[in-house]
Amino acid sequence: VKDVIDWRMHGYVDLALKEPDGMKADIVIIEMDTYGGVLTDAKEIVDKIMHFKKPVWVFINSDAASAGALISMACDSIYMAPGASIGAATVVNGSDGSEAPDKYHSYMRSIMRSTAETNGRDPRIAEAMVDERTVIDSVTQAGKVLTLTTTEANKLKYCEAKVESIEEILERN
């Protein structure tokens, strides 16, 4: 997932998650580097990941912003490269980048919380990635949307480990 989350990426992920069953794969690892994209396509990808019968891990090699953060949280395990980040999931209008109405933010907050909860992650942290009004002591400030560095994500149990590569993930497991 190294591009905008849209209908094309949704199609690529759909194909990738069909193939491992035929290959008898034990796990699927998604390499993530995206600034986000279309929420509806991201939600479809999340649903596919969460219903996949085998473990799905993500390696954030740079950015998992917005829809990328949501997709990452749907994975069973999150690994991050040094200097990577996850968060900044506010909802914006795709045509001009203006902030979307709260109706859309409410939906995104809910999806982020429920996805985090399902995978044993703190739902308040997920919500803070969407809503600048969410304040968590020693983690966020009022008026700031949350984006975590690799070190911060590791400390808050939002990633399993800081790794340099997919190969390192496989060596650890």
N, C-alpha and C. Protein backbone atom coordinates (compact mmCIF):
# COMPACT_ATOMS: atom_id res chain seq x y z
N VAL A 1 0.87 -1.15 0.00
CA VAL A 1 0.00 0.00 0.00
C VAL A 1 0.92 1.22 0.00
N LYS A 2 1.34 1.58 -1.20
CA LYS A 2 2.32 2.66 -1.34
C LYS A 2 1.80 3.77 -2.24
N ASP A 3 0.53 4.06 -2.09
CA ASP A 3 -0.07 5.10 -2.91
C ASP A 3 -1.35 5.56 -2.24
N VAL A 4 -2.11 6.37 -2.92
CA VAL A 4 -3.39 6.87 -2.42
C VAL A 4 -4.36 5.69 -2.24
N ILE A 5 -5.10 5.72 -1.15
CA ILE A 5 -6.13 4.71 -0.91
C ILE A 5 -7.35 5.12 -1.75
N ASP A 6 -7.64 4.33 -2.77
CA ASP A 6 -8.79 4.60 -3.63
C ASP A 6 -9.29 3.27 -4.17
N TRP A 7 -10.16 3.30 -5.16
CA TRP A 7 -10.75 2.08 -5.70
C TRP A 7 -9.69 1.15 -6.30
N ARG A 8 -8.63 1.73 -6.86
CA ARG A 8 -7.56 0.89 -7.43
C ARG A 8 -6.83 0.13 -6.33
N MET A 9 -6.45 0.85 -5.26
CA MET A 9 -5.76 0.22 -4.14
C MET A 9 -6.65 -0.83 -3.49
N HIS A 10 -7.92 -0.52 -3.38
CA HIS A 10 -8.89 -1.48 -2.84
C HIS A 10 -8.84 -2.77 -3.68
N GLY A 11 -8.80 -2.63 -4.98
CA GLY A 11 -8.72 -3.79 -5.88
C GLY A 11 -7.43 -4.58 -5.70
N TYR A 12 -6.30 -3.87 -5.55
CA TYR A 12 -5.01 -4.55 -5.35
C TYR A 12 -5.00 -5.34 -4.05
N VAL A 13 -5.52 -4.74 -3.00
CA VAL A 13 -5.55 -5.43 -1.70
C VAL A 13 -6.49 -6.63 -1.77
N ASP A 14 -7.61 -6.46 -2.44
CA ASP A 14 -8.55 -7.57 -2.61
C ASP A 14 -7.86 -8.75 -3.31
N LEU A 15 -7.15 -8.48 -4.38
CA LEU A 15 -6.42 -9.54 -5.08
C LEU A 15 -5.34 -10.17 -4.20
N ALA A 16 -4.62 -9.35 -3.48
CA ALA A 16 -3.54 -9.85 -2.62
C ALA A 16 -4.08 -10.75 -1.51
N LEU A 17 -5.24 -10.41 -0.96
CA LEU A 17 -5.79 -11.22 0.12
C LEU A 17 -6.48 -12.48 -0.38
N LYS A 18 -6.73 -12.59 -1.66
CA LYS A 18 -7.26 -13.83 -2.22
C LYS A 18 -6.13 -14.81 -2.49
N GLU A 19 -5.01 -14.32 -2.96
CA GLU A 19 -3.89 -15.17 -3.37
C GLU A 19 -3.27 -15.99 -2.25
N PRO A 20 -3.03 -15.45 -1.05
CA PRO A 20 -2.36 -16.25 -0.02
C PRO A 20 -3.08 -17.55 0.36
N ASP A 21 -4.41 -17.57 0.28
CA ASP A 21 -5.11 -18.81 0.59
C ASP A 21 -4.69 -19.93 -0.35
N GLY A 22 -4.55 -19.60 -1.62
CA GLY A 22 -4.11 -20.59 -2.59
C GLY A 22 -2.65 -20.97 -2.42
N MET A 23 -1.84 -20.05 -1.86
CA MET A 23 -0.42 -20.31 -1.67
C MET A 23 -0.13 -20.96 -0.32
N LYS A 24 -1.14 -21.15 0.49
CA LYS A 24 -0.96 -21.72 1.83
C LYS A 24 -0.05 -20.86 2.70
N ALA A 25 -0.17 -19.56 2.58
CA ALA A 25 0.64 -18.63 3.38
C ALA A 25 0.21 -18.69 4.84
N ASP A 26 1.17 -18.53 5.75
CA ASP A 26 0.88 -18.51 7.18
C ASP A 26 0.46 -17.11 7.63
N ILE A 27 1.04 -16.08 7.03
CA ILE A 27 0.74 -14.69 7.36
C ILE A 27 0.77 -13.85 6.08
N VAL A 28 0.19 -12.67 6.17
CA VAL A 28 0.28 -11.68 5.09
C VAL A 28 0.91 -10.44 5.72
N ILE A 29 1.89 -9.86 5.04
CA ILE A 29 2.50 -8.62 5.51
C ILE A 29 2.23 -7.53 4.47
N ILE A 30 1.62 -6.47 4.92
CA ILE A 30 1.36 -5.31 4.07
C ILE A 30 2.46 -4.30 4.31
N GLU A 31 3.09 -3.84 3.26
CA GLU A 31 4.06 -2.74 3.38
C GLU A 31 3.29 -1.44 3.15
N MET A 32 3.35 -0.54 4.14
CA MET A 32 2.52 0.67 4.13
C MET A 32 3.37 1.93 3.99
N ASP A 33 2.98 2.79 3.06
CA ASP A 33 3.54 4.13 2.93
C ASP A 33 2.52 4.97 2.17
N THR A 34 1.60 5.59 2.90
CA THR A 34 0.55 6.37 2.27
C THR A 34 0.14 7.55 3.14
N TYR A 35 -0.28 8.61 2.48
CA TYR A 35 -0.83 9.76 3.19
C TYR A 35 -2.35 9.63 3.36
N GLY A 36 -2.93 8.54 2.85
CA GLY A 36 -4.36 8.30 3.03
C GLY A 36 -5.10 8.30 1.73
N GLY A 37 -6.40 8.57 1.82
CA GLY A 37 -7.23 8.56 0.63
C GLY A 37 -8.70 8.50 0.97
N VAL A 38 -9.43 7.77 0.17
CA VAL A 38 -10.89 7.74 0.22
C VAL A 38 -11.36 6.82 1.36
N LEU A 39 -12.17 7.36 2.25
CA LEU A 39 -12.63 6.63 3.42
C LEU A 39 -13.41 5.37 3.06
N THR A 40 -14.28 5.45 2.07
CA THR A 40 -15.09 4.27 1.72
C THR A 40 -14.20 3.11 1.26
N ASP A 41 -13.19 3.40 0.47
CA ASP A 41 -12.27 2.35 0.03
C ASP A 41 -11.44 1.82 1.20
N ALA A 42 -11.01 2.71 2.07
CA ALA A 42 -10.25 2.29 3.25
C ALA A 42 -11.09 1.37 4.12
N LYS A 43 -12.36 1.70 4.31
CA LYS A 43 -13.24 0.87 5.14
C LYS A 43 -13.44 -0.51 4.52
N GLU A 44 -13.54 -0.58 3.21
CA GLU A 44 -13.65 -1.88 2.53
C GLU A 44 -12.40 -2.72 2.75
N ILE A 45 -11.24 -2.08 2.69
CA ILE A 45 -9.97 -2.77 2.93
C ILE A 45 -9.91 -3.25 4.38
N VAL A 46 -10.30 -2.40 5.31
CA VAL A 46 -10.32 -2.77 6.73
C VAL A 46 -11.20 -4.00 6.94
N ASP A 47 -12.39 -4.00 6.36
CA ASP A 47 -13.30 -5.14 6.52
C ASP A 47 -12.68 -6.42 5.98
N LYS A 48 -12.01 -6.36 4.85
CA LYS A 48 -11.35 -7.54 4.28
C LYS A 48 -10.24 -8.04 5.21
N ILE A 49 -9.44 -7.13 5.73
CA ILE A 49 -8.35 -7.51 6.63
C ILE A 49 -8.91 -8.15 7.90
N MET A 50 -9.92 -7.54 8.46
CA MET A 50 -10.44 -8.02 9.74
C MET A 50 -11.19 -9.34 9.61
N HIS A 51 -11.63 -9.67 8.42
CA HIS A 51 -12.31 -10.96 8.21
C HIS A 51 -11.38 -12.01 7.60
N PHE A 52 -10.15 -11.63 7.33
CA PHE A 52 -9.19 -12.58 6.75
C PHE A 52 -8.86 -13.64 7.80
N LYS A 53 -8.79 -14.88 7.37
CA LYS A 53 -8.65 -15.99 8.32
C LYS A 53 -7.25 -16.16 8.90
N LYS A 54 -6.27 -15.58 8.29
CA LYS A 54 -4.89 -15.71 8.77
C LYS A 54 -4.39 -14.35 9.25
N PRO A 55 -3.32 -14.35 10.05
CA PRO A 55 -2.81 -13.07 10.55
C PRO A 55 -2.37 -12.14 9.42
N VAL A 56 -2.71 -10.87 9.58
CA VAL A 56 -2.26 -9.82 8.66
C VAL A 56 -1.45 -8.83 9.49
N TRP A 57 -0.19 -8.63 9.10
CA TRP A 57 0.69 -7.70 9.77
C TRP A 57 0.97 -6.55 8.82
N VAL A 58 1.31 -5.39 9.37
CA VAL A 58 1.68 -4.25 8.54
C VAL A 58 3.06 -3.77 8.94
N PHE A 59 3.84 -3.42 7.93
CA PHE A 59 5.14 -2.78 8.12
C PHE A 59 5.02 -1.37 7.59
N ILE A 60 4.98 -0.39 8.50
CA ILE A 60 4.91 1.01 8.11
C ILE A 60 6.34 1.47 7.88
N ASN A 61 6.72 1.57 6.61
CA ASN A 61 8.10 1.92 6.30
C ASN A 61 8.32 3.42 6.24
N SER A 62 7.25 4.19 6.29
CA SER A 62 7.37 5.64 6.31
C SER A 62 6.11 6.26 6.90
N ASP A 63 5.02 6.27 6.14
CA ASP A 63 3.81 6.96 6.57
C ASP A 63 2.58 6.06 6.56
N ALA A 64 1.79 6.18 7.62
CA ALA A 64 0.46 5.58 7.67
C ALA A 64 -0.46 6.68 8.17
N ALA A 65 -0.73 7.62 7.29
CA ALA A 65 -1.56 8.76 7.65
C ALA A 65 -3.00 8.50 7.24
N SER A 66 -3.91 9.07 7.99
CA SER A 66 -5.33 9.09 7.68
C SER A 66 -5.87 7.69 7.40
N ALA A 67 -6.32 7.41 6.19
CA ALA A 67 -6.84 6.09 5.85
C ALA A 67 -5.78 5.01 6.04
N GLY A 68 -4.52 5.36 5.89
CA GLY A 68 -3.43 4.41 6.13
C GLY A 68 -3.34 4.02 7.59
N ALA A 69 -3.62 4.96 8.50
CA ALA A 69 -3.63 4.65 9.93
C ALA A 69 -4.77 3.69 10.24
N LEU A 70 -5.93 3.94 9.67
CA LEU A 70 -7.08 3.07 9.88
C LEU A 70 -6.78 1.65 9.39
N ILE A 71 -6.24 1.53 8.20
CA ILE A 71 -5.91 0.21 7.65
C ILE A 71 -4.86 -0.48 8.52
N SER A 72 -3.88 0.26 8.98
CA SER A 72 -2.84 -0.32 9.84
C SER A 72 -3.43 -0.86 11.12
N MET A 73 -4.36 -0.13 11.72
CA MET A 73 -4.98 -0.59 12.97
C MET A 73 -5.83 -1.84 12.77
N ALA A 74 -6.26 -2.10 11.55
CA ALA A 74 -7.03 -3.31 11.29
C ALA A 74 -6.14 -4.55 11.30
N CYS A 75 -4.85 -4.36 11.16
CA CYS A 75 -3.92 -5.49 11.11
C CYS A 75 -3.67 -6.05 12.51
N ASP A 76 -3.36 -7.34 12.55
CA ASP A 76 -3.11 -8.02 13.82
C ASP A 76 -1.87 -7.49 14.51
N SER A 77 -0.84 -7.15 13.75
CA SER A 77 0.40 -6.62 14.30
C SER A 77 0.87 -5.45 13.45
N ILE A 78 1.42 -4.44 14.13
CA ILE A 78 1.97 -3.26 13.46
C ILE A 78 3.46 -3.19 13.78
N TYR A 79 4.27 -3.09 12.74
CA TYR A 79 5.71 -2.88 12.88
C TYR A 79 6.03 -1.58 12.16
N MET A 80 6.96 -0.80 12.73
CA MET A 80 7.28 0.50 12.15
C MET A 80 8.78 0.68 11.97
N ALA A 81 9.15 1.28 10.87
CA ALA A 81 10.55 1.60 10.60
C ALA A 81 10.95 2.82 11.43
N PRO A 82 12.25 2.98 11.69
CA PRO A 82 12.70 4.21 12.34
C PRO A 82 12.26 5.42 11.51
N GLY A 83 11.73 6.42 12.17
CA GLY A 83 11.30 7.64 11.47
C GLY A 83 9.91 7.56 10.85
N ALA A 84 9.21 6.45 11.02
CA ALA A 84 7.86 6.31 10.47
C ALA A 84 6.85 7.02 11.37
N SER A 85 5.63 7.15 10.87
CA SER A 85 4.57 7.78 11.67
C SER A 85 3.22 7.17 11.34
N ILE A 86 2.31 7.28 12.30
CA ILE A 86 0.94 6.78 12.13
C ILE A 86 -0.01 7.78 12.78
N GLY A 87 -1.09 8.14 12.08
CA GLY A 87 -2.08 9.05 12.65
C GLY A 87 -2.62 10.05 11.65
N ALA A 88 -2.94 11.24 12.15
CA ALA A 88 -3.46 12.35 11.34
C ALA A 88 -4.62 11.90 10.46
N ALA A 89 -5.68 11.41 11.12
CA ALA A 89 -6.79 10.80 10.39
C ALA A 89 -8.05 11.65 10.36
N THR A 90 -7.90 12.96 10.31
CA THR A 90 -9.08 13.80 10.18
C THR A 90 -9.67 13.62 8.79
N VAL A 91 -10.95 13.88 8.69
CA VAL A 91 -11.65 13.69 7.42
C VAL A 91 -11.70 15.03 6.69
N VAL A 92 -11.26 15.02 5.43
CA VAL A 92 -11.29 16.23 4.62
C VAL A 92 -12.04 15.99 3.33
N ASN A 93 -12.48 17.08 2.72
CA ASN A 93 -13.13 17.03 1.43
C ASN A 93 -12.07 16.71 0.38
N GLY A 94 -12.28 15.64 -0.38
CA GLY A 94 -11.30 15.20 -1.37
C GLY A 94 -11.04 16.18 -2.49
N SER A 95 -11.99 17.06 -2.79
CA SER A 95 -11.81 17.96 -3.93
C SER A 95 -10.99 19.20 -3.58
N ASP A 96 -11.13 19.71 -2.33
CA ASP A 96 -10.40 20.94 -2.01
C ASP A 96 -9.61 20.88 -0.71
N GLY A 97 -9.68 19.77 0.01
CA GLY A 97 -8.91 19.61 1.23
C GLY A 97 -9.49 20.31 2.45
N SER A 98 -10.67 20.90 2.31
CA SER A 98 -11.29 21.56 3.46
C SER A 98 -11.82 20.51 4.44
N GLU A 99 -11.96 20.92 5.69
CA GLU A 99 -12.44 19.99 6.72
C GLU A 99 -13.88 19.56 6.42
N ALA A 100 -14.12 18.27 6.55
CA ALA A 100 -15.47 17.73 6.32
C ALA A 100 -16.36 18.05 7.52
N PRO A 101 -17.67 18.03 7.33
CA PRO A 101 -18.60 18.28 8.45
C PRO A 101 -18.43 17.22 9.55
N ASP A 102 -18.84 17.57 10.77
CA ASP A 102 -18.65 16.68 11.92
C ASP A 102 -19.33 15.32 11.72
N LYS A 103 -20.36 15.26 10.93
CA LYS A 103 -21.03 13.98 10.64
C LYS A 103 -20.00 12.95 10.16
N TYR A 104 -19.11 13.35 9.29
CA TYR A 104 -18.08 12.45 8.75
C TYR A 104 -17.00 12.16 9.79
N HIS A 105 -16.65 13.17 10.59
CA HIS A 105 -15.67 12.97 11.66
C HIS A 105 -16.21 11.99 12.70
N SER A 106 -17.50 12.12 13.01
CA SER A 106 -18.12 11.21 13.97
C SER A 106 -18.00 9.76 13.50
N TYR A 107 -18.28 9.55 12.24
CA TYR A 107 -18.18 8.21 11.67
C TYR A 107 -16.73 7.71 11.71
N MET A 108 -15.78 8.55 11.35
CA MET A 108 -14.37 8.15 11.35
C MET A 108 -13.89 7.88 12.78
N ARG A 109 -14.31 8.70 13.74
CA ARG A 109 -13.94 8.44 15.15
C ARG A 109 -14.43 7.07 15.57
N SER A 110 -15.65 6.74 15.21
CA SER A 110 -16.24 5.46 15.57
C SER A 110 -15.49 4.29 14.92
N ILE A 111 -15.20 4.40 13.64
CA ILE A 111 -14.46 3.34 12.94
C ILE A 111 -13.08 3.17 13.56
N MET A 112 -12.41 4.25 13.84
CA MET A 112 -11.07 4.18 14.42
C MET A 112 -11.13 3.51 15.80
N ARG A 113 -12.08 3.92 16.63
CA ARG A 113 -12.20 3.32 17.97
C ARG A 113 -12.51 1.83 17.89
N SER A 114 -13.49 1.47 17.09
CA SER A 114 -13.90 0.05 17.04
C SER A 114 -12.80 -0.83 16.44
N THR A 115 -12.07 -0.31 15.46
CA THR A 115 -10.96 -1.07 14.87
C THR A 115 -9.86 -1.27 15.90
N ALA A 116 -9.53 -0.21 16.63
CA ALA A 116 -8.51 -0.31 17.67
C ALA A 116 -8.94 -1.30 18.74
N GLU A 117 -10.17 -1.18 19.22
CA GLU A 117 -10.68 -2.09 20.26
C GLU A 117 -10.61 -3.54 19.82
N THR A 118 -11.00 -3.80 18.60
CA THR A 118 -11.02 -5.18 18.08
C THR A 118 -9.64 -5.81 18.15
N ASN A 119 -8.60 -5.02 17.94
CA ASN A 119 -7.24 -5.56 17.94
C ASN A 119 -6.47 -5.25 19.23
N GLY A 120 -7.20 -4.93 20.30
CA GLY A 120 -6.59 -4.76 21.61
C GLY A 120 -5.77 -3.49 21.78
N ARG A 121 -6.07 -2.47 20.99
CA ARG A 121 -5.37 -1.20 21.11
C ARG A 121 -6.28 -0.18 21.79
N ASP A 122 -5.68 0.82 22.41
CA ASP A 122 -6.43 1.84 23.14
C ASP A 122 -7.29 2.65 22.17
N PRO A 123 -8.61 2.58 22.30
CA PRO A 123 -9.49 3.31 21.37
C PRO A 123 -9.40 4.82 21.53
N ARG A 124 -9.00 5.32 22.70
CA ARG A 124 -8.87 6.77 22.89
C ARG A 124 -7.74 7.33 22.04
N ILE A 125 -6.67 6.56 21.90
CA ILE A 125 -5.55 7.00 21.06
C ILE A 125 -6.00 7.06 19.61
N ALA A 126 -6.76 6.05 19.18
CA ALA A 126 -7.28 6.04 17.81
C ALA A 126 -8.18 7.24 17.57
N GLU A 127 -9.03 7.55 18.54
CA GLU A 127 -9.92 8.70 18.40
C GLU A 127 -9.14 10.01 18.34
N ALA A 128 -8.06 10.10 19.11
CA ALA A 128 -7.24 11.32 19.11
C ALA A 128 -6.56 11.55 17.76
N MET A 129 -6.44 10.50 16.96
CA MET A 129 -5.87 10.65 15.61
C MET A 129 -6.85 11.36 14.67
N VAL A 130 -8.12 11.38 15.07
CA VAL A 130 -9.17 12.00 14.26
C VAL A 130 -9.61 13.34 14.84
N ASP A 131 -9.71 13.40 16.16
CA ASP A 131 -10.37 14.52 16.83
C ASP A 131 -9.41 15.29 17.73
N GLU A 132 -9.15 16.52 17.38
CA GLU A 132 -8.24 17.36 18.15
C GLU A 132 -8.81 17.73 19.52
N ARG A 133 -10.07 17.44 19.77
CA ARG A 133 -10.66 17.72 21.09
C ARG A 133 -10.38 16.60 22.09
N THR A 134 -9.91 15.46 21.62
CA THR A 134 -9.60 14.33 22.51
C THR A 134 -8.27 14.59 23.20
N VAL A 135 -8.30 14.62 24.52
CA VAL A 135 -7.10 14.88 25.30
C VAL A 135 -6.79 13.65 26.15
N ILE A 136 -5.56 13.18 26.04
CA ILE A 136 -5.08 12.05 26.83
C ILE A 136 -3.81 12.52 27.54
N ASP A 137 -3.83 12.45 28.87
CA ASP A 137 -2.68 12.91 29.65
C ASP A 137 -1.37 12.31 29.14
N SER A 138 -0.38 13.14 28.98
CA SER A 138 0.98 12.77 28.56
C SER A 138 1.06 12.22 27.14
N VAL A 139 -0.06 12.32 26.38
CA VAL A 139 -0.06 11.83 25.00
C VAL A 139 -0.47 12.91 24.02
N THR A 140 -1.59 13.59 24.29
CA THR A 140 -2.10 14.60 23.36
C THR A 140 -2.34 15.93 24.07
N GLN A 141 -2.55 16.94 23.26
CA GLN A 141 -2.92 18.26 23.76
C GLN A 141 -4.22 18.67 23.07
N ALA A 142 -5.02 19.45 23.76
CA ALA A 142 -6.23 19.99 23.15
C ALA A 142 -5.85 20.79 21.91
N GLY A 143 -6.61 20.63 20.87
CA GLY A 143 -6.37 21.40 19.65
C GLY A 143 -5.36 20.77 18.70
N LYS A 144 -4.83 19.60 19.01
CA LYS A 144 -3.83 18.94 18.16
C LYS A 144 -4.29 17.52 17.82
N VAL A 145 -4.34 17.21 16.55
CA VAL A 145 -4.63 15.85 16.11
C VAL A 145 -3.38 15.01 16.35
N LEU A 146 -3.56 13.78 16.78
CA LEU A 146 -2.44 12.92 17.15
C LEU A 146 -1.81 12.20 15.96
N THR A 147 -0.50 12.29 15.88
CA THR A 147 0.30 11.47 14.98
C THR A 147 1.46 10.95 15.83
N LEU A 148 1.66 9.65 15.80
CA LEU A 148 2.69 9.01 16.62
C LEU A 148 3.94 8.69 15.80
N THR A 149 5.09 8.93 16.41
CA THR A 149 6.35 8.46 15.83
C THR A 149 6.48 6.98 16.15
N THR A 150 7.47 6.34 15.58
CA THR A 150 7.72 4.93 15.87
C THR A 150 7.94 4.71 17.36
N THR A 151 8.77 5.54 17.97
CA THR A 151 9.08 5.40 19.40
C THR A 151 7.82 5.59 20.24
N GLU A 152 7.02 6.61 19.92
CA GLU A 152 5.79 6.86 20.67
C GLU A 152 4.81 5.71 20.49
N ALA A 153 4.65 5.22 19.27
CA ALA A 153 3.73 4.11 19.01
C ALA A 153 4.16 2.87 19.78
N ASN A 154 5.45 2.62 19.82
CA ASN A 154 5.96 1.46 20.55
C ASN A 154 5.67 1.60 22.05
N LYS A 155 5.93 2.77 22.60
CA LYS A 155 5.70 3.03 24.02
C LYS A 155 4.22 2.87 24.38
N LEU A 156 3.33 3.30 23.50
CA LEU A 156 1.89 3.24 23.75
C LEU A 156 1.25 1.93 23.29
N LYS A 157 2.08 0.97 22.89
CA LYS A 157 1.62 -0.34 22.43
C LYS A 157 0.76 -0.25 21.17
N TYR A 158 1.10 0.71 20.33
CA TYR A 158 0.45 0.82 19.02
C TYR A 158 1.30 0.19 17.93
N CYS A 159 2.46 -0.32 18.29
CA CYS A 159 3.24 -1.14 17.38
C CYS A 159 4.02 -2.16 18.19
N GLU A 160 4.29 -3.28 17.56
CA GLU A 160 5.00 -4.36 18.24
C GLU A 160 6.48 -4.05 18.39
N ALA A 161 7.06 -3.41 17.36
CA ALA A 161 8.50 -3.16 17.42
C ALA A 161 8.93 -2.20 16.33
N LYS A 162 10.09 -1.59 16.57
CA LYS A 162 10.76 -0.79 15.54
C LYS A 162 11.65 -1.77 14.77
N VAL A 163 11.46 -1.83 13.46
CA VAL A 163 12.24 -2.73 12.62
C VAL A 163 12.70 -1.99 11.37
N GLU A 164 13.74 -2.51 10.75
CA GLU A 164 14.29 -1.89 9.54
C GLU A 164 13.67 -2.42 8.25
N SER A 165 13.09 -3.65 8.31
CA SER A 165 12.63 -4.27 7.07
C SER A 165 11.63 -5.39 7.35
N ILE A 166 10.99 -5.84 6.31
CA ILE A 166 10.11 -7.00 6.41
C ILE A 166 10.91 -8.24 6.81
N GLU A 167 12.11 -8.34 6.30
CA GLU A 167 12.97 -9.47 6.65
C GLU A 167 13.21 -9.51 8.15
N GLU A 168 13.41 -8.36 8.76
CA GLU A 168 13.62 -8.32 10.21
C GLU A 168 12.36 -8.77 10.97
N ILE A 169 11.21 -8.42 10.45
CA ILE A 169 9.95 -8.89 11.06
C ILE A 169 9.92 -10.41 11.04
N LEU A 170 10.24 -10.98 9.91
CA LEU A 170 10.21 -12.44 9.78
C LEU A 170 11.23 -13.10 10.68
N GLU A 171 12.38 -12.50 10.84
CA GLU A 171 13.42 -13.04 11.74
C GLU A 171 12.96 -13.02 13.19
N ARG A 172 12.19 -12.01 13.56
CA ARG A 172 11.73 -11.88 14.95
C ARG A 172 10.67 -12.90 15.29
N ASN A 173 9.97 -13.41 14.30
CA ASN A 173 8.82 -14.28 14.55
C ASN A 173 9.05 -15.70 14.15
